[in-house]
Amino acid sequence: MLWVKSFHIVFVASWFAGLFYLPRIFVNLAMVPPESVAERQRLLLMARKLMRFTTLLAVPALALGLWLWLGYGIGRGPGNGWMHAKLAVVALALGYHHLCGRMVRQFEAGANRRGHVWYRWFNEAPVLMLVAAVVLVVVKPF
């Protein structure tokens, strides 16, 4: 079980690293002047590649988490309300991940209507989700 838990932590940390950095690329994309085509294309390439890689990291993170939950029974039974809250955080992270994919496609289509300040705030959400997940798993407050 410790091997599964270790790799789960590594893949979750890696997945979130992508979720931390991708919106930073959005900040830069939102700031690119219209005449700077090469810079825009370079940032779009980075965003596409990072989105693909981040998705590939999310799959084993989720699979290993399911293995721990269903296979080893971690977080099941009475007194494990923290797991329900953590699963809600995981659902939020998946929604955020999906939204990032939509934003990449919007930038590719030239349909972005948000400014760099909005993306700077948007970039803070995965930090809060990761803090919540870690506190729930380590502290198990309920």
N, C-alpha and C. Protein backbone atom coordinates (compact mmCIF):
# COMPACT_ATOMS: atom_id res chain seq x y z
N MET A 1 0.81 -1.19 0.00
CA MET A 1 0.00 0.00 0.00
C MET A 1 0.86 1.27 0.00
N LEU A 2 2.01 1.24 0.66
CA LEU A 2 2.86 2.43 0.73
C LEU A 2 3.41 2.81 -0.65
N TRP A 3 3.65 1.83 -1.51
CA TRP A 3 4.10 2.13 -2.88
C TRP A 3 3.00 2.85 -3.64
N VAL A 4 1.78 2.36 -3.51
CA VAL A 4 0.65 2.98 -4.19
C VAL A 4 0.45 4.41 -3.68
N LYS A 5 0.52 4.57 -2.37
CA LYS A 5 0.36 5.89 -1.77
C LYS A 5 1.47 6.85 -2.22
N SER A 6 2.70 6.35 -2.26
CA SER A 6 3.83 7.19 -2.70
C SER A 6 3.64 7.67 -4.13
N PHE A 7 3.30 6.75 -5.02
CA PHE A 7 3.12 7.15 -6.42
C PHE A 7 1.89 8.04 -6.59
N HIS A 8 0.86 7.83 -5.78
CA HIS A 8 -0.30 8.71 -5.82
C HIS A 8 0.11 10.14 -5.48
N ILE A 9 0.89 10.30 -4.44
CA ILE A 9 1.35 11.63 -4.03
C ILE A 9 2.20 12.27 -5.13
N VAL A 10 3.10 11.51 -5.73
CA VAL A 10 3.97 12.03 -6.80
C VAL A 10 3.12 12.50 -7.99
N PHE A 11 2.15 11.68 -8.40
CA PHE A 11 1.34 12.06 -9.56
C PHE A 11 0.39 13.22 -9.25
N VAL A 12 -0.13 13.28 -8.03
CA VAL A 12 -0.98 14.42 -7.66
C VAL A 12 -0.15 15.70 -7.66
N ALA A 13 1.04 15.65 -7.07
CA ALA A 13 1.91 16.84 -7.06
C ALA A 13 2.27 17.26 -8.48
N SER A 14 2.53 16.31 -9.34
CA SER A 14 2.88 16.62 -10.73
C SER A 14 1.69 17.19 -11.48
N TRP A 15 0.51 16.61 -11.27
CA TRP A 15 -0.71 17.11 -11.90
C TRP A 15 -0.95 18.57 -11.49
N PHE A 16 -0.83 18.83 -10.20
CA PHE A 16 -1.07 20.18 -9.72
C PHE A 16 0.01 21.16 -10.19
N ALA A 17 1.23 20.68 -10.39
CA ALA A 17 2.26 21.57 -10.94
C ALA A 17 1.81 22.08 -12.30
N GLY A 18 1.22 21.21 -13.11
CA GLY A 18 0.68 21.64 -14.39
C GLY A 18 -0.47 22.62 -14.23
N LEU A 19 -1.35 22.35 -13.24
CA LEU A 19 -2.47 23.26 -13.00
C LEU A 19 -2.01 24.60 -12.43
N PHE A 20 -0.86 24.62 -11.79
CA PHE A 20 -0.31 25.89 -11.31
C PHE A 20 0.26 26.71 -12.47
N TYR A 21 0.92 26.04 -13.41
CA TYR A 21 1.65 26.77 -14.44
C TYR A 21 0.79 27.13 -15.66
N LEU A 22 -0.15 26.29 -16.02
CA LEU A 22 -0.96 26.55 -17.21
C LEU A 22 -1.65 27.92 -17.16
N PRO A 23 -2.30 28.30 -16.07
CA PRO A 23 -2.90 29.63 -16.02
C PRO A 23 -1.87 30.77 -16.11
N ARG A 24 -0.63 30.51 -15.72
CA ARG A 24 0.42 31.53 -15.90
C ARG A 24 0.66 31.76 -17.39
N ILE A 25 0.57 30.71 -18.17
CA ILE A 25 0.67 30.87 -19.62
C ILE A 25 -0.52 31.69 -20.12
N PHE A 26 -1.71 31.44 -19.54
CA PHE A 26 -2.89 32.23 -19.93
C PHE A 26 -2.68 33.72 -19.63
N VAL A 27 -2.05 34.02 -18.49
CA VAL A 27 -1.75 35.41 -18.14
C VAL A 27 -0.91 36.03 -19.26
N ASN A 28 0.12 35.32 -19.66
CA ASN A 28 1.00 35.83 -20.71
C ASN A 28 0.28 35.94 -22.05
N LEU A 29 -0.56 34.96 -22.37
CA LEU A 29 -1.32 35.02 -23.62
C LEU A 29 -2.26 36.23 -23.63
N ALA A 30 -2.87 36.51 -22.49
CA ALA A 30 -3.79 37.64 -22.42
C ALA A 30 -3.07 38.97 -22.57
N MET A 31 -1.78 38.99 -22.34
CA MET A 31 -0.99 40.22 -22.43
C MET A 31 -0.30 40.40 -23.78
N VAL A 32 -0.34 39.39 -24.65
CA VAL A 32 0.35 39.48 -25.94
C VAL A 32 -0.33 40.51 -26.83
N PRO A 33 0.43 41.46 -27.35
CA PRO A 33 -0.16 42.44 -28.28
C PRO A 33 -0.61 41.73 -29.57
N PRO A 34 -1.66 42.21 -30.21
CA PRO A 34 -2.19 41.56 -31.42
C PRO A 34 -1.15 41.38 -32.54
N GLU A 35 -0.20 42.29 -32.63
CA GLU A 35 0.79 42.20 -33.72
C GLU A 35 1.91 41.20 -33.45
N SER A 36 1.96 40.64 -32.25
CA SER A 36 3.02 39.71 -31.87
C SER A 36 2.59 38.26 -32.11
N VAL A 37 2.47 37.89 -33.38
CA VAL A 37 1.96 36.58 -33.78
C VAL A 37 2.88 35.45 -33.32
N ALA A 38 4.19 35.62 -33.48
CA ALA A 38 5.14 34.57 -33.12
C ALA A 38 5.09 34.27 -31.62
N GLU A 39 5.01 35.31 -30.81
CA GLU A 39 4.93 35.11 -29.36
C GLU A 39 3.65 34.38 -28.99
N ARG A 40 2.55 34.77 -29.60
CA ARG A 40 1.25 34.12 -29.35
C ARG A 40 1.31 32.64 -29.72
N GLN A 41 1.88 32.35 -30.88
CA GLN A 41 1.96 30.96 -31.33
C GLN A 41 2.84 30.12 -30.40
N ARG A 42 3.95 30.71 -29.94
CA ARG A 42 4.84 29.99 -29.02
C ARG A 42 4.13 29.68 -27.71
N LEU A 43 3.40 30.66 -27.17
CA LEU A 43 2.68 30.44 -25.92
C LEU A 43 1.54 29.44 -26.10
N LEU A 44 0.86 29.49 -27.24
CA LEU A 44 -0.20 28.50 -27.51
C LEU A 44 0.36 27.09 -27.59
N LEU A 45 1.52 26.94 -28.22
CA LEU A 45 2.17 25.64 -28.29
C LEU A 45 2.50 25.13 -26.89
N MET A 46 3.05 26.02 -26.07
CA MET A 46 3.36 25.65 -24.69
C MET A 46 2.10 25.24 -23.93
N ALA A 47 1.02 26.00 -24.11
CA ALA A 47 -0.23 25.70 -23.40
C ALA A 47 -0.79 24.35 -23.85
N ARG A 48 -0.78 24.10 -25.15
CA ARG A 48 -1.30 22.81 -25.65
C ARG A 48 -0.49 21.64 -25.10
N LYS A 49 0.83 21.75 -25.16
CA LYS A 49 1.68 20.67 -24.69
C LYS A 49 1.54 20.45 -23.18
N LEU A 50 1.49 21.56 -22.43
CA LEU A 50 1.34 21.43 -20.98
C LEU A 50 -0.03 20.84 -20.62
N MET A 51 -1.07 21.23 -21.34
CA MET A 51 -2.40 20.68 -21.09
C MET A 51 -2.40 19.17 -21.33
N ARG A 52 -1.80 18.74 -22.42
CA ARG A 52 -1.73 17.31 -22.74
C ARG A 52 -0.95 16.56 -21.66
N PHE A 53 0.19 17.10 -21.27
CA PHE A 53 1.04 16.45 -20.27
C PHE A 53 0.35 16.43 -18.91
N THR A 54 -0.31 17.51 -18.55
CA THR A 54 -1.02 17.58 -17.27
C THR A 54 -2.15 16.56 -17.23
N THR A 55 -2.83 16.39 -18.35
CA THR A 55 -3.89 15.38 -18.42
C THR A 55 -3.31 13.98 -18.23
N LEU A 56 -2.16 13.73 -18.85
CA LEU A 56 -1.52 12.42 -18.69
C LEU A 56 -1.09 12.16 -17.24
N LEU A 57 -0.78 13.21 -16.51
CA LEU A 57 -0.41 13.06 -15.10
C LEU A 57 -1.64 12.87 -14.22
N ALA A 58 -2.76 13.46 -14.60
CA ALA A 58 -3.99 13.35 -13.81
C ALA A 58 -4.52 11.92 -13.80
N VAL A 59 -4.37 11.21 -14.91
CA VAL A 59 -4.95 9.86 -15.03
C VAL A 59 -4.38 8.91 -13.97
N PRO A 60 -3.05 8.74 -13.86
CA PRO A 60 -2.55 7.85 -12.81
C PRO A 60 -2.81 8.39 -11.40
N ALA A 61 -2.83 9.72 -11.23
CA ALA A 61 -3.14 10.28 -9.91
C ALA A 61 -4.52 9.81 -9.47
N LEU A 62 -5.49 9.91 -10.38
CA LEU A 62 -6.86 9.50 -10.05
C LEU A 62 -6.96 7.99 -9.90
N ALA A 63 -6.32 7.25 -10.78
CA ALA A 63 -6.37 5.78 -10.71
C ALA A 63 -5.76 5.27 -9.41
N LEU A 64 -4.64 5.83 -9.02
CA LEU A 64 -4.01 5.39 -7.77
C LEU A 64 -4.84 5.81 -6.56
N GLY A 65 -5.46 6.98 -6.63
CA GLY A 65 -6.35 7.40 -5.55
C GLY A 65 -7.54 6.46 -5.41
N LEU A 66 -8.11 6.06 -6.53
CA LEU A 66 -9.21 5.08 -6.49
C LEU A 66 -8.75 3.74 -5.92
N TRP A 67 -7.55 3.34 -6.29
CA TRP A 67 -6.98 2.10 -5.78
C TRP A 67 -6.85 2.16 -4.25
N LEU A 68 -6.37 3.29 -3.74
CA LEU A 68 -6.25 3.44 -2.29
C LEU A 68 -7.62 3.43 -1.62
N TRP A 69 -8.57 4.11 -2.22
CA TRP A 69 -9.90 4.23 -1.63
C TRP A 69 -10.68 2.93 -1.71
N LEU A 70 -10.76 2.36 -2.90
CA LEU A 70 -11.57 1.16 -3.08
C LEU A 70 -10.80 -0.12 -2.77
N GLY A 71 -9.53 -0.18 -3.14
CA GLY A 71 -8.74 -1.39 -2.95
C GLY A 71 -8.28 -1.60 -1.54
N TYR A 72 -7.89 -0.53 -0.88
CA TYR A 72 -7.37 -0.64 0.49
C TYR A 72 -8.36 -0.13 1.53
N GLY A 73 -9.44 0.47 1.09
CA GLY A 73 -10.47 0.93 2.02
C GLY A 73 -10.12 2.21 2.76
N ILE A 74 -9.12 2.94 2.27
CA ILE A 74 -8.75 4.20 2.93
C ILE A 74 -9.90 5.19 2.80
N GLY A 75 -10.33 5.73 3.92
CA GLY A 75 -11.38 6.74 3.92
C GLY A 75 -12.79 6.18 3.87
N ARG A 76 -12.94 4.88 4.03
CA ARG A 76 -14.28 4.28 4.02
C ARG A 76 -14.68 3.91 5.44
N GLY A 77 -15.97 3.89 5.68
CA GLY A 77 -16.48 3.53 7.00
C GLY A 77 -16.84 4.75 7.82
N PRO A 78 -17.30 4.51 9.05
CA PRO A 78 -17.70 5.62 9.91
C PRO A 78 -16.50 6.47 10.32
N GLY A 79 -16.75 7.76 10.53
CA GLY A 79 -15.69 8.66 10.98
C GLY A 79 -14.76 9.11 9.87
N ASN A 80 -15.18 8.93 8.64
CA ASN A 80 -14.34 9.32 7.52
C ASN A 80 -15.01 10.37 6.64
N GLY A 81 -15.66 11.33 7.28
CA GLY A 81 -16.30 12.42 6.54
C GLY A 81 -15.30 13.26 5.77
N TRP A 82 -14.05 13.27 6.22
CA TRP A 82 -13.01 14.00 5.51
C TRP A 82 -12.87 13.53 4.08
N MET A 83 -13.11 12.21 3.86
CA MET A 83 -12.97 11.66 2.51
C MET A 83 -14.02 12.24 1.57
N HIS A 84 -15.24 12.45 2.06
CA HIS A 84 -16.28 13.05 1.23
C HIS A 84 -15.87 14.46 0.81
N ALA A 85 -15.31 15.20 1.75
CA ALA A 85 -14.85 16.56 1.45
C ALA A 85 -13.67 16.51 0.47
N LYS A 86 -12.77 15.55 0.66
CA LYS A 86 -11.63 15.44 -0.26
C LYS A 86 -12.10 15.07 -1.65
N LEU A 87 -13.08 14.18 -1.75
CA LEU A 87 -13.61 13.82 -3.07
C LEU A 87 -14.27 15.03 -3.74
N ALA A 88 -14.88 15.90 -2.95
CA ALA A 88 -15.44 17.14 -3.50
C ALA A 88 -14.32 18.03 -4.04
N VAL A 89 -13.20 18.09 -3.33
CA VAL A 89 -12.05 18.87 -3.80
C VAL A 89 -11.50 18.26 -5.09
N VAL A 90 -11.45 16.94 -5.16
CA VAL A 90 -10.99 16.26 -6.39
C VAL A 90 -11.92 16.60 -7.55
N ALA A 91 -13.23 16.60 -7.30
CA ALA A 91 -14.20 16.97 -8.34
C ALA A 91 -13.97 18.41 -8.80
N LEU A 92 -13.70 19.30 -7.86
CA LEU A 92 -13.39 20.69 -8.22
C LEU A 92 -12.11 20.77 -9.07
N ALA A 93 -11.10 20.00 -8.69
CA ALA A 93 -9.84 20.01 -9.45
C ALA A 93 -10.06 19.48 -10.86
N LEU A 94 -10.89 18.46 -10.99
CA LEU A 94 -11.20 17.94 -12.33
C LEU A 94 -11.96 18.98 -13.16
N GLY A 95 -12.89 19.67 -12.52
CA GLY A 95 -13.62 20.73 -13.21
C GLY A 95 -12.68 21.85 -13.64
N TYR A 96 -11.76 22.22 -12.77
CA TYR A 96 -10.77 23.25 -13.08
C TYR A 96 -9.90 22.81 -14.26
N HIS A 97 -9.48 21.55 -14.22
CA HIS A 97 -8.66 20.98 -15.29
C HIS A 97 -9.42 21.06 -16.63
N HIS A 98 -10.68 20.66 -16.60
CA HIS A 98 -11.52 20.72 -17.80
C HIS A 98 -11.66 22.16 -18.30
N LEU A 99 -11.87 23.08 -17.38
CA LEU A 99 -12.01 24.49 -17.73
C LEU A 99 -10.72 25.02 -18.37
N CYS A 100 -9.58 24.59 -17.87
CA CYS A 100 -8.30 24.98 -18.48
C CYS A 100 -8.22 24.50 -19.92
N GLY A 101 -8.69 23.28 -20.18
CA GLY A 101 -8.71 22.77 -21.55
C GLY A 101 -9.59 23.62 -22.45
N ARG A 102 -10.74 24.03 -21.94
CA ARG A 102 -11.62 24.91 -22.72
C ARG A 102 -10.95 26.25 -22.99
N MET A 103 -10.22 26.76 -22.01
CA MET A 103 -9.54 28.05 -22.19
C MET A 103 -8.44 27.96 -23.23
N VAL A 104 -7.71 26.84 -23.26
CA VAL A 104 -6.70 26.65 -24.30
C VAL A 104 -7.36 26.73 -25.67
N ARG A 105 -8.49 26.04 -25.83
CA ARG A 105 -9.19 26.06 -27.12
C ARG A 105 -9.71 27.46 -27.46
N GLN A 106 -10.16 28.21 -26.44
CA GLN A 106 -10.62 29.58 -26.69
C GLN A 106 -9.47 30.46 -27.17
N PHE A 107 -8.31 30.33 -26.54
CA PHE A 107 -7.15 31.10 -26.98
C PHE A 107 -6.77 30.72 -28.41
N GLU A 108 -6.82 29.43 -28.73
CA GLU A 108 -6.48 28.98 -30.08
C GLU A 108 -7.44 29.58 -31.11
N ALA A 109 -8.71 29.70 -30.74
CA ALA A 109 -9.72 30.24 -31.65
C ALA A 109 -9.74 31.76 -31.66
N GLY A 110 -8.92 32.39 -30.83
CA GLY A 110 -8.91 33.85 -30.74
C GLY A 110 -10.16 34.39 -30.07
N ALA A 111 -10.78 33.56 -29.22
CA ALA A 111 -12.05 33.93 -28.59
C ALA A 111 -11.91 34.34 -27.13
N ASN A 112 -10.69 34.57 -26.66
CA ASN A 112 -10.51 34.99 -25.26
C ASN A 112 -11.05 36.39 -25.06
N ARG A 113 -11.84 36.57 -24.01
CA ARG A 113 -12.40 37.89 -23.69
C ARG A 113 -11.99 38.37 -22.30
N ARG A 114 -11.09 37.63 -21.65
CA ARG A 114 -10.69 37.99 -20.29
C ARG A 114 -9.30 38.62 -20.31
N GLY A 115 -9.05 39.45 -19.31
CA GLY A 115 -7.77 40.11 -19.19
C GLY A 115 -6.80 39.34 -18.31
N HIS A 116 -5.55 39.78 -18.31
CA HIS A 116 -4.51 39.08 -17.55
C HIS A 116 -4.78 39.10 -16.05
N VAL A 117 -5.44 40.13 -15.53
CA VAL A 117 -5.72 40.19 -14.09
C VAL A 117 -6.69 39.07 -13.72
N TRP A 118 -7.69 38.80 -14.53
CA TRP A 118 -8.62 37.71 -14.25
C TRP A 118 -7.88 36.38 -14.17
N TYR A 119 -6.95 36.16 -15.11
CA TYR A 119 -6.19 34.91 -15.11
C TYR A 119 -5.25 34.82 -13.90
N ARG A 120 -4.77 35.95 -13.43
CA ARG A 120 -3.94 35.92 -12.22
C ARG A 120 -4.77 35.42 -11.01
N TRP A 121 -6.00 35.85 -10.91
CA TRP A 121 -6.88 35.37 -9.84
C TRP A 121 -7.27 33.91 -10.07
N PHE A 122 -7.55 33.57 -11.31
CA PHE A 122 -7.91 32.19 -11.67
C PHE A 122 -6.78 31.23 -11.29
N ASN A 123 -5.56 31.69 -11.38
CA ASN A 123 -4.39 30.89 -11.07
C ASN A 123 -4.30 30.51 -9.59
N GLU A 124 -5.01 31.20 -8.74
CA GLU A 124 -4.93 30.91 -7.30
C GLU A 124 -5.78 29.71 -6.88
N ALA A 125 -6.77 29.35 -7.67
CA ALA A 125 -7.70 28.28 -7.29
C ALA A 125 -7.02 26.94 -7.03
N PRO A 126 -6.09 26.47 -7.88
CA PRO A 126 -5.48 25.16 -7.58
C PRO A 126 -4.66 25.15 -6.30
N VAL A 127 -4.10 26.30 -5.93
CA VAL A 127 -3.36 26.37 -4.67
C VAL A 127 -4.31 26.09 -3.50
N LEU A 128 -5.47 26.73 -3.53
CA LEU A 128 -6.46 26.52 -2.47
C LEU A 128 -6.96 25.08 -2.45
N MET A 129 -7.17 24.51 -3.63
CA MET A 129 -7.63 23.11 -3.69
C MET A 129 -6.59 22.15 -3.13
N LEU A 130 -5.32 22.37 -3.47
CA LEU A 130 -4.27 21.49 -2.97
C LEU A 130 -4.13 21.62 -1.46
N VAL A 131 -4.17 22.83 -0.95
CA VAL A 131 -4.10 23.04 0.51
C VAL A 131 -5.27 22.31 1.19
N ALA A 132 -6.46 22.48 0.65
CA ALA A 132 -7.64 21.82 1.24
C ALA A 132 -7.49 20.31 1.23
N ALA A 133 -7.05 19.74 0.11
CA ALA A 133 -6.90 18.29 0.02
C ALA A 133 -5.86 17.77 1.01
N VAL A 134 -4.73 18.45 1.10
CA VAL A 134 -3.68 18.00 2.02
C VAL A 134 -4.14 18.09 3.46
N VAL A 135 -4.78 19.19 3.83
CA VAL A 135 -5.27 19.34 5.21
C VAL A 135 -6.31 18.26 5.51
N LEU A 136 -7.20 18.01 4.58
CA LEU A 136 -8.22 16.98 4.82
C LEU A 136 -7.61 15.60 5.01
N VAL A 137 -6.60 15.28 4.22
CA VAL A 137 -5.98 13.94 4.31
C VAL A 137 -5.11 13.81 5.54
N VAL A 138 -4.37 14.84 5.89
CA VAL A 138 -3.44 14.74 7.02
C VAL A 138 -4.15 14.96 8.36
N VAL A 139 -4.97 16.00 8.45
CA VAL A 139 -5.60 16.35 9.72
C VAL A 139 -6.85 15.51 9.97
N LYS A 140 -7.56 15.15 8.89
CA LYS A 140 -8.83 14.41 9.00
C LYS A 140 -9.75 15.08 10.03
N PRO A 141 -10.18 16.32 9.74
CA PRO A 141 -10.90 17.11 10.74
C PRO A 141 -12.29 16.58 11.10
N PHE A 142 -12.83 15.71 10.30
CA PHE A 142 -14.17 15.13 10.62
C PHE A 142 -14.34 13.80 9.95
